[in-house]
Amino acid sequence: MADQAATKPASAATEEVRRLVERAQGGDREALEELYLLHFDRIYSYLHMSVGNRHDAEDLTTQTFLKMLESIGRFRWQSAPFSAWLFRIAHNLAMDHFRARRRWQPEEDVPEPMGSEEPSAETEAMRTIGRESMLAMIEDLSPEQQQVLTLKFVFNFSNGEVATILEKTEGAIKSLQHRALVSLQKQLETGPSADAPSS
C-alpha cells in the first residue's frame, strides 16, 4: 500500500505530461506553453552545464523548444519519456554547437566492463563525492563522460533514458559511467585535499 502511495505522484505527473503532449500534438497552444514551462529550467541547466556559458545556453534552449514545436507531431510514446526525447534534441543541438567550434571529440564505444554486477567503485565514488564536489571534479573527464554523469546524477535519468538521449547503447552508457566514476575515485584517492582544515 505504501509503495502505491509513493509511486502515485510520479505516475500522476507522467499522465499529466502525456495529456499535455496529446493536446499539444492537436495544436493546443496552452499545452505547448505548459510543456515549455515544465521543462525549461532542466533543459537550460543541462545546456548551460554542457556549453559553459549563459549566452549559448539561452540560444540553444530557444532552439530546443523551437525544434520541439516543429517535431512534436512526430513524437511517439515508446520506452523513453517525453523529457528524454526533449533532452535528446538539446543534446544534439549542443553537439552541433561543439562540432561547429571543433571542440567535441566523441569517445569510441567500448564494451561494458567485466564484472559490472559489482559496482563497488561507482558506489564508493558516489558515497564519497557529494553532488557539488562531483560537478567541480567532472571538468577533468572527457565530454561524453561528463554528459553521462550529468544526465544520471544531476537530472536523474536512468541508463536507458541516457542511452536514448545520447543515442548510444545502454552498455556503452554503463561503461562510460563506470570509467568516469573510477577516474573520480582515483582523483579523490590521489588528489590533495584542499578543503582539509589546517590544525
Protein backbone atom coordinates (compact mmCIF):
# COMPACT_ATOMS: atom_id res chain seq x y z
CA MET A 1 0.00 0.00 0.00
CA ALA A 2 2.79 2.41 0.93
CA ASP A 3 4.57 1.65 -2.35
CA GLN A 4 1.45 2.54 -4.32
CA ALA A 5 1.17 5.85 -2.47
CA ALA A 6 4.84 6.61 -3.12
CA THR A 7 4.59 5.99 -6.86
CA LYS A 8 1.29 7.81 -7.37
CA PRO A 9 2.73 11.37 -7.63
CA ALA A 10 5.30 10.31 -10.27
CA SER A 11 2.63 8.37 -12.13
CA ALA A 12 0.23 11.32 -11.96
CA ALA A 13 2.95 13.65 -13.28
CA THR A 14 3.67 11.25 -16.15
CA GLU A 15 -0.05 11.09 -17.00
CA GLU A 16 -0.25 14.89 -16.91
CA VAL A 17 2.68 15.19 -19.34
CA ARG A 18 1.08 12.55 -21.57
CA ARG A 19 -2.17 14.56 -21.66
CA LEU A 20 -0.26 17.78 -22.39
CA VAL A 21 1.65 16.13 -25.24
CA GLU A 22 -1.57 14.79 -26.76
CA ARG A 23 -3.16 18.24 -26.57
CA ALA A 24 0.00 19.88 -27.97
CA GLN A 25 0.01 17.43 -30.87
CA GLY A 26 -3.53 18.57 -31.59
CA GLY A 27 -2.34 22.19 -31.82
CA ASP A 28 -3.28 23.36 -28.29
CA ARG A 29 -1.10 26.42 -27.59
CA GLU A 30 -1.70 26.35 -23.85
CA ALA A 31 -0.47 22.75 -23.68
CA LEU A 32 2.69 23.74 -25.60
CA GLU A 33 3.26 26.60 -23.16
CA GLU A 34 2.82 24.27 -20.20
CA LEU A 35 5.30 21.77 -21.65
CA TYR A 36 7.73 24.65 -22.15
CA LEU A 37 7.32 25.86 -18.56
CA LEU A 38 7.60 22.32 -17.15
CA HIS A 39 10.88 21.58 -18.93
CA PHE A 40 12.57 24.96 -19.41
CA ASP A 41 14.66 25.01 -16.20
CA ARG A 42 16.06 21.50 -16.64
CA ILE A 43 16.83 21.96 -20.35
CA TYR A 44 18.51 25.32 -19.73
CA SER A 45 20.54 23.92 -16.80
CA TYR A 46 21.65 20.95 -18.89
CA LEU A 47 22.71 23.14 -21.81
CA HIS A 48 24.45 25.64 -19.52
CA MET A 49 26.45 22.81 -17.97
CA SER A 50 27.19 21.40 -21.44
CA VAL A 51 28.34 24.58 -23.22
CA GLY A 52 29.61 26.52 -20.23
CA ASN A 53 28.18 29.97 -20.88
CA ARG A 54 24.83 31.65 -20.44
CA HIS A 55 24.53 33.23 -23.90
CA ASP A 56 24.99 29.96 -25.83
CA ALA A 57 22.83 28.06 -23.33
CA GLU A 58 19.98 30.56 -23.80
CA ASP A 59 20.31 30.37 -27.59
CA LEU A 60 20.36 26.55 -27.59
CA THR A 61 17.42 26.38 -25.17
CA THR A 62 15.38 28.52 -27.56
CA GLN A 63 16.41 26.28 -30.45
CA THR A 64 15.45 23.18 -28.43
CA PHE A 65 11.92 24.41 -27.89
CA LEU A 66 11.59 25.56 -31.50
CA LYS A 67 12.55 22.03 -32.56
CA MET A 68 10.02 20.68 -30.07
CA LEU A 69 7.33 22.81 -31.74
CA GLU A 70 8.36 21.58 -35.20
CA SER A 71 8.64 17.91 -34.22
CA ILE A 72 6.05 17.28 -31.51
CA GLY A 73 3.61 15.88 -34.07
CA ARG A 74 6.10 13.07 -34.78
CA PHE A 75 6.77 12.23 -31.12
CA ARG A 76 5.61 8.72 -30.17
CA TRP A 77 5.46 7.26 -26.66
CA GLN A 78 7.97 4.42 -26.58
CA SER A 79 10.36 3.20 -23.89
CA ALA A 80 11.70 6.67 -23.05
CA PRO A 81 9.61 9.52 -21.62
CA PHE A 82 8.91 12.85 -23.30
CA SER A 83 11.62 14.55 -21.23
CA ALA A 84 14.27 12.15 -22.61
CA TRP A 85 13.10 12.98 -26.16
CA LEU A 86 13.42 16.68 -25.37
CA PHE A 87 16.86 16.21 -23.79
CA ARG A 88 17.98 14.33 -26.93
CA ILE A 89 17.02 17.38 -29.01
CA ALA A 90 19.02 19.59 -26.60
CA HIS A 91 21.97 17.19 -26.66
CA ASN A 92 22.04 17.07 -30.47
CA LEU A 93 21.98 20.87 -30.66
CA ALA A 94 24.83 21.07 -28.12
CA MET A 95 26.86 18.58 -30.18
CA ASP A 96 26.22 20.62 -33.35
CA HIS A 97 27.39 23.67 -31.41
CA PHE A 98 30.63 21.90 -30.40
CA ARG A 99 31.22 20.50 -33.89
CA ALA A 100 30.90 23.99 -35.33
CA ARG A 101 33.71 25.01 -32.97
CA ARG A 102 35.63 21.73 -33.46
CA ARG A 103 35.80 21.14 -29.70
CA TRP A 104 33.83 17.88 -29.45
CA GLN A 105 35.78 14.61 -29.67
CA PRO A 106 33.42 11.68 -29.05
CA GLU A 107 34.83 8.64 -27.32
CA GLU A 108 34.67 5.39 -29.21
CA ASP A 109 32.08 2.91 -28.00
CA VAL A 110 33.68 0.46 -25.64
CA PRO A 111 32.33 -2.81 -24.31
CA GLU A 112 30.79 -2.90 -20.87
CA PRO A 113 33.44 -3.62 -18.22
CA MET A 114 33.67 -7.19 -16.98
CA GLY A 115 32.30 -7.84 -13.52
CA SER A 116 29.89 -4.91 -13.81
CA GLU A 117 27.46 -6.67 -11.48
CA GLU A 118 29.82 -5.48 -8.71
CA PRO A 119 29.56 -1.68 -8.87
CA SER A 120 31.80 -1.05 -5.87
CA ALA A 121 33.87 1.71 -7.49
CA GLU A 122 30.75 3.60 -8.59
CA THR A 123 29.02 3.15 -5.25
CA GLU A 124 32.10 4.17 -3.31
CA ALA A 125 32.74 7.20 -5.54
CA MET A 126 29.17 8.44 -5.24
CA ARG A 127 29.18 7.84 -1.49
CA THR A 128 32.39 9.83 -1.07
CA ILE A 129 31.75 12.58 -3.60
CA GLY A 130 28.90 14.97 -2.89
CA ARG A 131 26.90 16.30 -5.82
CA GLU A 132 28.57 19.76 -5.76
CA SER A 133 32.07 18.30 -5.47
CA MET A 134 31.34 15.94 -8.34
CA LEU A 135 30.27 18.82 -10.59
CA ALA A 136 33.59 20.55 -9.94
CA MET A 137 35.63 17.36 -10.44
CA ILE A 138 33.99 16.17 -13.65
CA GLU A 139 35.58 19.02 -15.59
CA ASP A 140 38.68 16.82 -15.93
CA LEU A 141 36.70 13.99 -17.57
CA SER A 142 36.02 13.55 -21.28
CA PRO A 143 32.98 15.44 -22.63
CA GLU A 144 30.99 12.20 -23.05
CA GLN A 145 31.76 11.06 -19.50
CA GLN A 146 30.65 14.49 -18.26
CA GLN A 147 27.40 14.17 -20.23
CA VAL A 148 26.64 10.73 -18.77
CA LEU A 149 27.31 11.76 -15.15
CA THR A 150 25.35 14.99 -15.56
CA LEU A 151 22.30 13.23 -17.01
CA LYS A 152 22.47 10.39 -14.46
CA PHE A 153 23.24 12.20 -11.22
CA VAL A 154 22.07 15.78 -11.77
CA PHE A 155 18.98 15.14 -13.89
CA ASN A 156 18.26 11.63 -12.51
CA PHE A 157 17.74 9.84 -15.83
CA SER A 158 18.03 6.04 -15.93
CA ASN A 159 20.73 4.32 -18.03
CA GLY A 160 18.11 3.53 -20.68
CA GLU A 161 16.98 7.17 -20.85
CA VAL A 162 20.59 8.43 -21.02
CA ALA A 163 21.19 5.93 -23.85
CA THR A 164 18.18 7.36 -25.69
CA ILE A 165 19.34 10.96 -25.20
CA LEU A 166 22.94 10.30 -26.26
CA GLU A 167 21.92 7.79 -28.97
CA LYS A 168 24.17 5.06 -27.60
CA THR A 169 23.62 1.56 -26.28
CA GLU A 170 22.87 1.06 -22.61
CA GLY A 171 26.10 -0.96 -22.33
CA ALA A 172 28.11 2.00 -23.68
CA ILE A 173 26.46 4.29 -21.11
CA LYS A 174 27.30 1.88 -18.27
CA SER A 175 30.88 1.70 -19.49
CA LEU A 176 31.25 5.49 -19.72
CA GLN A 177 29.73 5.86 -16.25
CA HIS A 178 31.98 3.16 -14.80
CA ARG A 179 35.17 4.69 -16.24
CA ALA A 180 34.14 8.21 -15.20
CA LEU A 181 33.40 7.21 -11.61
CA VAL A 182 36.57 5.14 -11.32
CA SER A 183 38.50 8.18 -12.55
CA LEU A 184 36.78 10.38 -9.97
CA GLN A 185 37.54 7.85 -7.24
CA LYS A 186 41.24 7.93 -8.24
CA GLN A 187 41.18 11.74 -8.09
CA LEU A 188 39.85 11.50 -4.54
CA GLU A 189 42.48 8.99 -3.50
CA THR A 190 45.47 10.78 -5.06
CA GLY A 191 44.49 14.46 -5.18
CA PRO A 192 45.48 16.89 -2.46
CA SER A 193 42.65 17.69 -0.07
CA ALA A 194 42.31 21.45 -0.45
CA ASP A 195 39.37 21.57 1.94
CA ALA A 196 41.17 19.78 4.78
CA PRO A 197 41.34 22.01 7.89
CA SER A 198 44.86 23.01 8.87
CA SER A 199 45.41 22.15 12.52
